[in-house]
Amino acid sequence: MEVNFPETQKNAPASKKYKVNLAGSTQAVEKAKNVINNIMMYSHDELTHAGEVHEELEIEAWAWRYIIGTAGSEMKHIQNNYKVKVCIPRDHSLNQKVLIVGEPSPVERAKVYIEKLVWNAEHKTSGRDKVDDGDAWGDEGPEEEWMKQYLYKR
């Protein structure tokens, strides 16, 4: 089996397509095509990444920033903590779903974590946009004489 990848241009757009040539028996060419297509679609194939699985998550584009985090911090946390690869789709991606790739158990745990992140983003349960349930300290009573020494006046 022989696979020939063409030389790519340095500044070519990410969406540029190239022709890959496969040579060999019909069966071998078909198998290689399937492996290449799986890698392009799911970032893995059983032949090249034995034991790995993937989960596809349908997450709306507005929520991707919560998975990525500031300067990629959340994405790094997920990938390092769960030992998985997280793929956010781009305009030219074959698969337009968020992918989690890795061993079965970590993939499932990362999926639950990401779904919770998105749920929190939808319901604004943390951060600057937090849903405000009022003052956590309760109602303040009237200012008393003994308080004056502790209060800062502007």
N, C-alpha and C. Protein backbone atom coordinates (compact mmCIF):
# COMPACT_ATOMS: atom_id res chain seq x y z
N MET A 1 0.84 -1.18 0.00
CA MET A 1 0.00 0.00 0.00
C MET A 1 0.88 1.23 0.00
N GLU A 2 0.57 2.20 -0.83
CA GLU A 2 1.33 3.44 -0.92
C GLU A 2 0.37 4.63 -0.85
N VAL A 3 0.73 5.61 -0.02
CA VAL A 3 -0.07 6.83 0.12
C VAL A 3 0.83 8.00 -0.20
N ASN A 4 0.41 8.84 -1.14
CA ASN A 4 1.18 10.03 -1.52
C ASN A 4 0.38 11.29 -1.23
N PHE A 5 0.94 12.11 -0.35
CA PHE A 5 0.33 13.40 -0.04
C PHE A 5 1.05 14.46 -0.86
N PRO A 6 0.32 15.36 -1.48
CA PRO A 6 0.96 16.42 -2.25
C PRO A 6 1.63 17.45 -1.33
N GLU A 7 2.57 18.17 -1.87
CA GLU A 7 3.21 19.23 -1.11
C GLU A 7 2.21 20.38 -0.99
N THR A 8 2.12 20.93 0.20
CA THR A 8 1.15 22.01 0.44
C THR A 8 1.83 23.37 0.35
N GLN A 9 1.04 24.37 0.02
CA GLN A 9 1.55 25.73 -0.04
C GLN A 9 1.60 26.32 1.36
N LYS A 10 2.62 27.14 1.63
CA LYS A 10 2.79 27.71 2.96
C LYS A 10 1.61 28.56 3.42
N ASN A 11 1.15 29.46 2.60
CA ASN A 11 0.11 30.40 3.02
C ASN A 11 -1.26 30.06 2.43
N ALA A 12 -1.46 28.80 2.11
CA ALA A 12 -2.75 28.38 1.54
C ALA A 12 -3.83 28.48 2.61
N PRO A 13 -5.05 28.85 2.22
CA PRO A 13 -6.14 28.89 3.20
C PRO A 13 -6.42 27.49 3.73
N ALA A 14 -6.90 27.42 4.97
CA ALA A 14 -7.17 26.12 5.60
C ALA A 14 -8.21 25.32 4.84
N SER A 15 -9.05 26.00 4.08
CA SER A 15 -10.10 25.30 3.34
C SER A 15 -9.63 24.71 2.01
N LYS A 16 -8.37 25.00 1.61
CA LYS A 16 -7.87 24.48 0.33
C LYS A 16 -7.81 22.96 0.38
N LYS A 17 -8.28 22.35 -0.69
CA LYS A 17 -8.29 20.89 -0.78
C LYS A 17 -7.12 20.41 -1.63
N TYR A 18 -6.60 19.23 -1.27
CA TYR A 18 -5.51 18.60 -2.01
C TYR A 18 -5.91 17.17 -2.32
N LYS A 19 -5.37 16.64 -3.38
CA LYS A 19 -5.65 15.27 -3.77
C LYS A 19 -4.60 14.34 -3.16
N VAL A 20 -5.06 13.31 -2.47
CA VAL A 20 -4.18 12.29 -1.90
C VAL A 20 -4.28 11.07 -2.80
N ASN A 21 -3.13 10.55 -3.22
CA ASN A 21 -3.12 9.38 -4.10
C ASN A 21 -2.87 8.11 -3.29
N LEU A 22 -3.71 7.11 -3.52
CA LEU A 22 -3.59 5.82 -2.86
C LEU A 22 -3.32 4.76 -3.93
N ALA A 23 -2.33 3.92 -3.67
CA ALA A 23 -2.03 2.85 -4.63
C ALA A 23 -1.89 1.54 -3.87
N GLY A 24 -2.44 0.49 -4.45
CA GLY A 24 -2.38 -0.82 -3.83
C GLY A 24 -3.57 -1.64 -4.26
N SER A 25 -3.80 -2.75 -3.57
CA SER A 25 -4.94 -3.59 -3.91
C SER A 25 -6.23 -2.83 -3.61
N THR A 26 -7.30 -3.24 -4.25
CA THR A 26 -8.59 -2.60 -4.06
C THR A 26 -8.97 -2.59 -2.58
N GLN A 27 -8.76 -3.71 -1.92
CA GLN A 27 -9.11 -3.84 -0.51
C GLN A 27 -8.26 -2.90 0.35
N ALA A 28 -6.95 -2.82 0.07
CA ALA A 28 -6.06 -1.97 0.85
C ALA A 28 -6.39 -0.49 0.63
N VAL A 29 -6.68 -0.13 -0.62
CA VAL A 29 -7.03 1.26 -0.94
C VAL A 29 -8.32 1.65 -0.22
N GLU A 30 -9.30 0.77 -0.23
CA GLU A 30 -10.57 1.03 0.44
C GLU A 30 -10.37 1.22 1.94
N LYS A 31 -9.54 0.36 2.54
CA LYS A 31 -9.27 0.45 3.97
C LYS A 31 -8.56 1.77 4.29
N ALA A 32 -7.56 2.14 3.48
CA ALA A 32 -6.83 3.39 3.69
C ALA A 32 -7.76 4.59 3.56
N LYS A 33 -8.67 4.54 2.58
CA LYS A 33 -9.64 5.62 2.39
C LYS A 33 -10.51 5.79 3.64
N ASN A 34 -10.97 4.67 4.17
CA ASN A 34 -11.80 4.71 5.39
C ASN A 34 -11.03 5.29 6.58
N VAL A 35 -9.76 4.89 6.73
CA VAL A 35 -8.94 5.39 7.83
C VAL A 35 -8.76 6.90 7.69
N ILE A 36 -8.42 7.37 6.50
CA ILE A 36 -8.21 8.80 6.26
C ILE A 36 -9.51 9.57 6.50
N ASN A 37 -10.62 9.06 6.01
CA ASN A 37 -11.91 9.73 6.21
C ASN A 37 -12.29 9.81 7.69
N ASN A 38 -12.04 8.72 8.43
CA ASN A 38 -12.34 8.72 9.87
C ASN A 38 -11.47 9.73 10.62
N ILE A 39 -10.21 9.81 10.25
CA ILE A 39 -9.31 10.77 10.90
C ILE A 39 -9.77 12.20 10.59
N MET A 40 -10.16 12.45 9.35
CA MET A 40 -10.63 13.80 8.99
C MET A 40 -11.95 14.13 9.68
N MET A 41 -12.82 13.16 9.83
CA MET A 41 -14.14 13.40 10.40
C MET A 41 -14.14 13.36 11.94
N TYR A 42 -13.38 12.41 12.52
CA TYR A 42 -13.45 12.17 13.96
C TYR A 42 -12.12 12.32 14.70
N SER A 43 -11.05 12.69 14.00
CA SER A 43 -9.71 12.85 14.59
C SER A 43 -9.10 11.56 15.12
N HIS A 44 -9.64 10.43 14.69
CA HIS A 44 -9.05 9.14 15.07
C HIS A 44 -9.64 8.03 14.21
N ASP A 45 -8.96 6.89 14.22
CA ASP A 45 -9.46 5.66 13.61
C ASP A 45 -8.90 4.51 14.44
N GLU A 46 -9.63 3.44 14.54
CA GLU A 46 -9.20 2.29 15.35
C GLU A 46 -7.83 1.79 14.92
N LEU A 47 -7.53 1.82 13.63
CA LEU A 47 -6.25 1.33 13.12
C LEU A 47 -5.09 2.19 13.61
N THR A 48 -5.26 3.50 13.62
CA THR A 48 -4.18 4.41 13.99
C THR A 48 -4.22 4.82 15.46
N HIS A 49 -5.36 4.72 16.09
CA HIS A 49 -5.52 5.14 17.48
C HIS A 49 -6.34 4.06 18.22
N ALA A 50 -5.75 2.91 18.39
CA ALA A 50 -6.45 1.76 18.98
C ALA A 50 -7.02 2.10 20.35
N GLY A 51 -8.28 1.70 20.56
CA GLY A 51 -8.93 1.88 21.85
C GLY A 51 -9.58 3.23 22.06
N GLU A 52 -9.37 4.16 21.14
CA GLU A 52 -9.97 5.47 21.30
C GLU A 52 -11.39 5.50 20.77
N VAL A 53 -12.21 6.33 21.38
CA VAL A 53 -13.58 6.55 20.94
C VAL A 53 -13.78 8.05 20.81
N HIS A 54 -14.95 8.43 20.32
CA HIS A 54 -15.27 9.86 20.25
C HIS A 54 -16.73 10.08 20.61
N GLU A 55 -17.00 11.28 21.06
CA GLU A 55 -18.36 11.73 21.32
C GLU A 55 -18.55 13.01 20.52
N GLU A 56 -19.69 13.11 19.86
CA GLU A 56 -20.03 14.32 19.12
C GLU A 56 -21.08 15.07 19.93
N LEU A 57 -20.82 16.33 20.20
CA LEU A 57 -21.76 17.15 20.97
C LEU A 57 -22.32 18.25 20.08
N GLU A 58 -23.62 18.37 20.05
CA GLU A 58 -24.26 19.45 19.30
C GLU A 58 -24.36 20.65 20.21
N ILE A 59 -23.38 21.52 20.08
CA ILE A 59 -23.33 22.71 20.91
C ILE A 59 -23.34 23.92 19.98
N GLU A 60 -24.23 24.86 20.27
CA GLU A 60 -24.35 26.03 19.42
C GLU A 60 -23.07 26.87 19.47
N ALA A 61 -22.77 27.52 18.36
CA ALA A 61 -21.52 28.27 18.21
C ALA A 61 -21.32 29.32 19.30
N TRP A 62 -22.39 29.95 19.79
CA TRP A 62 -22.24 30.99 20.82
C TRP A 62 -21.61 30.43 22.10
N ALA A 63 -21.78 29.12 22.35
CA ALA A 63 -21.29 28.52 23.59
C ALA A 63 -19.86 27.99 23.49
N TRP A 64 -19.29 27.97 22.29
CA TRP A 64 -17.93 27.44 22.13
C TRP A 64 -16.93 28.20 22.98
N ARG A 65 -17.14 29.51 23.14
CA ARG A 65 -16.19 30.32 23.91
C ARG A 65 -16.10 29.86 25.36
N TYR A 66 -17.17 29.28 25.88
CA TYR A 66 -17.14 28.78 27.26
C TYR A 66 -16.31 27.50 27.36
N ILE A 67 -16.27 26.73 26.29
CA ILE A 67 -15.45 25.52 26.25
C ILE A 67 -13.99 25.89 26.04
N ILE A 68 -13.75 26.92 25.25
CA ILE A 68 -12.38 27.35 24.95
C ILE A 68 -11.80 28.10 26.15
N GLY A 69 -12.55 29.03 26.73
CA GLY A 69 -12.08 29.81 27.87
C GLY A 69 -11.14 30.92 27.44
N THR A 70 -10.75 31.76 28.38
CA THR A 70 -9.85 32.88 28.12
C THR A 70 -8.49 32.34 27.70
N ALA A 71 -8.05 32.75 26.52
CA ALA A 71 -6.75 32.32 25.96
C ALA A 71 -6.63 30.79 25.92
N GLY A 72 -7.75 30.10 25.77
CA GLY A 72 -7.73 28.65 25.68
C GLY A 72 -7.59 27.93 27.02
N SER A 73 -7.76 28.66 28.11
CA SER A 73 -7.51 28.08 29.44
C SER A 73 -8.46 26.93 29.77
N GLU A 74 -9.74 27.07 29.44
CA GLU A 74 -10.70 26.00 29.76
C GLU A 74 -10.42 24.76 28.92
N MET A 75 -10.10 24.98 27.64
CA MET A 75 -9.78 23.86 26.74
C MET A 75 -8.55 23.11 27.25
N LYS A 76 -7.53 23.84 27.67
CA LYS A 76 -6.31 23.20 28.21
C LYS A 76 -6.66 22.40 29.46
N HIS A 77 -7.49 23.00 30.32
CA HIS A 77 -7.89 22.31 31.55
C HIS A 77 -8.60 20.99 31.23
N ILE A 78 -9.55 21.03 30.31
CA ILE A 78 -10.31 19.82 29.95
C ILE A 78 -9.37 18.77 29.38
N GLN A 79 -8.53 19.18 28.43
CA GLN A 79 -7.65 18.21 27.76
C GLN A 79 -6.62 17.63 28.72
N ASN A 80 -6.07 18.45 29.60
CA ASN A 80 -5.06 17.95 30.55
C ASN A 80 -5.69 17.13 31.67
N ASN A 81 -6.82 17.59 32.18
CA ASN A 81 -7.45 16.92 33.31
C ASN A 81 -8.04 15.57 32.93
N TYR A 82 -8.68 15.52 31.77
CA TYR A 82 -9.36 14.29 31.36
C TYR A 82 -8.56 13.45 30.37
N LYS A 83 -7.41 13.97 29.93
CA LYS A 83 -6.54 13.24 28.96
C LYS A 83 -7.32 12.91 27.69
N VAL A 84 -8.00 13.92 27.15
CA VAL A 84 -8.76 13.78 25.91
C VAL A 84 -8.35 14.90 24.97
N LYS A 85 -8.79 14.78 23.73
CA LYS A 85 -8.61 15.85 22.74
C LYS A 85 -10.01 16.42 22.48
N VAL A 86 -10.12 17.75 22.53
CA VAL A 86 -11.39 18.42 22.24
C VAL A 86 -11.22 19.20 20.95
N CYS A 87 -12.11 18.98 20.00
CA CYS A 87 -12.05 19.65 18.70
C CYS A 87 -13.27 20.54 18.54
N ILE A 88 -13.02 21.82 18.39
CA ILE A 88 -14.09 22.79 18.11
C ILE A 88 -14.11 22.96 16.59
N PRO A 89 -15.28 22.85 15.96
CA PRO A 89 -15.31 22.93 14.49
C PRO A 89 -14.91 24.31 13.97
N ARG A 90 -14.33 24.29 12.79
CA ARG A 90 -14.01 25.53 12.06
C ARG A 90 -14.90 25.55 10.83
N ASP A 91 -14.85 26.64 10.11
CA ASP A 91 -15.67 26.76 8.90
C ASP A 91 -15.41 25.62 7.91
N HIS A 92 -14.14 25.21 7.81
CA HIS A 92 -13.76 24.20 6.82
C HIS A 92 -13.77 22.76 7.36
N SER A 93 -14.13 22.58 8.64
CA SER A 93 -14.13 21.24 9.23
C SER A 93 -15.21 20.37 8.59
N LEU A 94 -14.88 19.10 8.36
CA LEU A 94 -15.89 18.17 7.85
C LEU A 94 -16.99 17.96 8.87
N ASN A 95 -16.59 17.80 10.12
CA ASN A 95 -17.55 17.58 11.20
C ASN A 95 -17.83 18.91 11.88
N GLN A 96 -19.06 19.33 11.89
CA GLN A 96 -19.42 20.62 12.47
C GLN A 96 -19.94 20.50 13.91
N LYS A 97 -19.63 19.37 14.55
CA LYS A 97 -19.99 19.18 15.95
C LYS A 97 -18.73 19.27 16.81
N VAL A 98 -18.90 19.57 18.08
CA VAL A 98 -17.77 19.55 19.01
C VAL A 98 -17.43 18.09 19.26
N LEU A 99 -16.15 17.74 19.14
CA LEU A 99 -15.71 16.35 19.31
C LEU A 99 -14.86 16.21 20.56
N ILE A 100 -15.05 15.11 21.26
CA ILE A 100 -14.17 14.71 22.35
C ILE A 100 -13.61 13.36 21.96
N VAL A 101 -12.29 13.23 21.94
CA VAL A 101 -11.64 12.00 21.50
C VAL A 101 -10.68 11.51 22.58
N GLY A 102 -10.72 10.21 22.84
CA GLY A 102 -9.81 9.61 23.81
C GLY A 102 -10.32 8.25 24.24
N GLU A 103 -9.84 7.79 25.38
CA GLU A 103 -10.29 6.51 25.90
C GLU A 103 -11.72 6.67 26.44
N PRO A 104 -12.51 5.59 26.42
CA PRO A 104 -13.94 5.69 26.74
C PRO A 104 -14.31 6.41 28.04
N SER A 105 -13.72 6.03 29.15
CA SER A 105 -14.11 6.61 30.44
C SER A 105 -13.79 8.11 30.51
N PRO A 106 -12.56 8.53 30.16
CA PRO A 106 -12.28 9.97 30.19
C PRO A 106 -13.15 10.77 29.21
N VAL A 107 -13.47 10.19 28.07
CA VAL A 107 -14.33 10.88 27.10
C VAL A 107 -15.70 11.13 27.73
N GLU A 108 -16.25 10.12 28.41
CA GLU A 108 -17.57 10.27 29.04
C GLU A 108 -17.53 11.33 30.13
N ARG A 109 -16.47 11.32 30.94
CA ARG A 109 -16.35 12.31 32.01
C ARG A 109 -16.19 13.72 31.46
N ALA A 110 -15.39 13.87 30.40
CA ALA A 110 -15.21 15.19 29.77
C ALA A 110 -16.51 15.67 29.15
N LYS A 111 -17.29 14.75 28.59
CA LYS A 111 -18.59 15.10 28.00
C LYS A 111 -19.51 15.69 29.06
N VAL A 112 -19.58 15.04 30.21
CA VAL A 112 -20.43 15.51 31.30
C VAL A 112 -19.97 16.91 31.75
N TYR A 113 -18.66 17.09 31.85
CA TYR A 113 -18.10 18.38 32.28
C TYR A 113 -18.46 19.48 31.28
N ILE A 114 -18.28 19.20 29.98
CA ILE A 114 -18.58 20.19 28.94
C ILE A 114 -20.07 20.52 28.92
N GLU A 115 -20.90 19.50 29.04
CA GLU A 115 -22.35 19.75 29.06
C GLU A 115 -22.73 20.63 30.24
N LYS A 116 -22.06 20.45 31.38
CA LYS A 116 -22.33 21.28 32.55
C LYS A 116 -21.85 22.72 32.30
N LEU A 117 -20.69 22.88 31.67
CA LEU A 117 -20.20 24.21 31.32
C LEU A 117 -21.22 24.97 30.47
N VAL A 118 -21.73 24.28 29.46
CA VAL A 118 -22.69 24.90 28.55
C VAL A 118 -23.99 25.20 29.28
N TRP A 119 -24.44 24.28 30.12
CA TRP A 119 -25.66 24.52 30.90
C TRP A 119 -25.50 25.76 31.77
N ASN A 120 -24.35 25.85 32.46
CA ASN A 120 -24.08 27.02 33.31
C ASN A 120 -24.07 28.30 32.48
N ALA A 121 -23.50 28.24 31.28
CA ALA A 121 -23.46 29.42 30.42
C ALA A 121 -24.88 29.82 30.01
N GLU A 122 -25.71 28.85 29.70
CA GLU A 122 -27.09 29.14 29.31
C GLU A 122 -27.89 29.73 30.45
N HIS A 123 -27.58 29.31 31.66
CA HIS A 123 -28.35 29.73 32.83
C HIS A 123 -27.62 30.78 33.65
N LYS A 124 -26.47 31.22 33.19
CA LYS A 124 -25.69 32.29 33.84
C LYS A 124 -25.56 32.08 35.34
N THR A 125 -25.00 30.94 35.73
CA THR A 125 -24.91 30.63 37.15
C THR A 125 -23.58 31.03 37.78
N SER A 126 -22.68 31.61 36.97
CA SER A 126 -21.40 32.03 37.56
C SER A 126 -20.85 33.22 36.80
N GLY A 127 -19.86 33.86 37.40
CA GLY A 127 -19.18 34.95 36.72
C GLY A 127 -19.95 36.26 36.78
N ARG A 128 -19.53 37.16 35.92
CA ARG A 128 -20.06 38.51 35.90
C ARG A 128 -21.55 38.58 35.59
N ASP A 129 -22.03 37.63 34.78
CA ASP A 129 -23.43 37.63 34.38
C ASP A 129 -24.31 36.77 35.29
N LYS A 130 -23.82 36.49 36.47
CA LYS A 130 -24.52 35.63 37.42
C LYS A 130 -25.94 36.13 37.70
N VAL A 131 -26.85 35.21 37.85
CA VAL A 131 -28.21 35.56 38.23
C VAL A 131 -28.16 36.03 39.67
N ASP A 132 -28.64 37.24 39.91
CA ASP A 132 -28.54 37.83 41.25
C ASP A 132 -29.77 37.49 42.07
N ASP A 133 -29.56 36.81 43.18
CA ASP A 133 -30.66 36.46 44.08
C ASP A 133 -30.75 37.43 45.26
N GLY A 134 -30.14 38.59 45.12
CA GLY A 134 -30.19 39.58 46.19
C GLY A 134 -28.93 39.54 47.04
N ASP A 135 -28.92 40.32 48.06
CA ASP A 135 -27.78 40.45 48.95
C ASP A 135 -27.66 39.21 49.84
N ALA A 136 -26.49 38.62 49.84
CA ALA A 136 -26.27 37.41 50.62
C ALA A 136 -26.29 37.69 52.12
N TRP A 137 -26.09 38.95 52.54
CA TRP A 137 -26.01 39.28 53.95
C TRP A 137 -27.38 39.62 54.54
N GLY A 138 -28.36 39.76 53.72
CA GLY A 138 -29.69 40.10 54.24
C GLY A 138 -29.87 41.60 54.33
N ASP A 139 -31.00 42.02 54.86
CA ASP A 139 -31.29 43.45 54.99
C ASP A 139 -30.44 44.06 56.09
N GLU A 140 -29.95 45.26 55.77
CA GLU A 140 -29.17 45.96 56.78
C GLU A 140 -30.11 46.80 57.63
N GLY A 141 -29.87 46.78 58.89
CA GLY A 141 -30.67 47.60 59.79
C GLY A 141 -30.19 49.04 59.76
N PRO A 142 -30.77 49.86 60.56
CA PRO A 142 -30.35 51.26 60.59
C PRO A 142 -28.95 51.40 61.17
N GLU A 143 -28.26 52.45 60.76
CA GLU A 143 -26.91 52.69 61.27
C GLU A 143 -26.99 53.04 62.75
N GLU A 144 -26.16 52.36 63.54
CA GLU A 144 -26.15 52.61 64.97
C GLU A 144 -24.89 53.37 65.34
N GLU A 145 -24.89 53.98 66.51
CA GLU A 145 -23.79 54.83 66.96
C GLU A 145 -22.45 54.09 66.98
N TRP A 146 -22.43 52.86 67.48
CA TRP A 146 -21.18 52.10 67.60
C TRP A 146 -20.58 51.75 66.24
N MET A 147 -21.38 51.77 65.15
CA MET A 147 -20.91 51.42 63.80
C MET A 147 -20.07 52.53 63.17
N LYS A 148 -20.27 53.75 63.60
CA LYS A 148 -19.67 54.90 62.94
C LYS A 148 -18.15 54.80 62.83
N GLN A 149 -17.51 54.27 63.82
CA GLN A 149 -16.05 54.17 63.77
C GLN A 149 -15.55 53.18 62.72
N TYR A 150 -16.42 52.26 62.27
CA TYR A 150 -16.03 51.23 61.30
C TYR A 150 -16.47 51.57 59.87
N LEU A 151 -17.33 52.53 59.71
CA LEU A 151 -17.88 52.85 58.39
C LEU A 151 -16.99 53.87 57.69
N TYR A 152 -16.82 53.65 56.39
CA TYR A 152 -16.05 54.56 55.57
C TYR A 152 -17.00 55.46 54.82
N LYS A 153 -16.81 56.75 54.98
CA LYS A 153 -17.67 57.73 54.30
C LYS A 153 -16.94 58.27 53.09
N ARG A 154 -17.65 58.37 51.95
CA ARG A 154 -17.03 58.93 50.73
C ARG A 154 -17.27 60.39 50.64
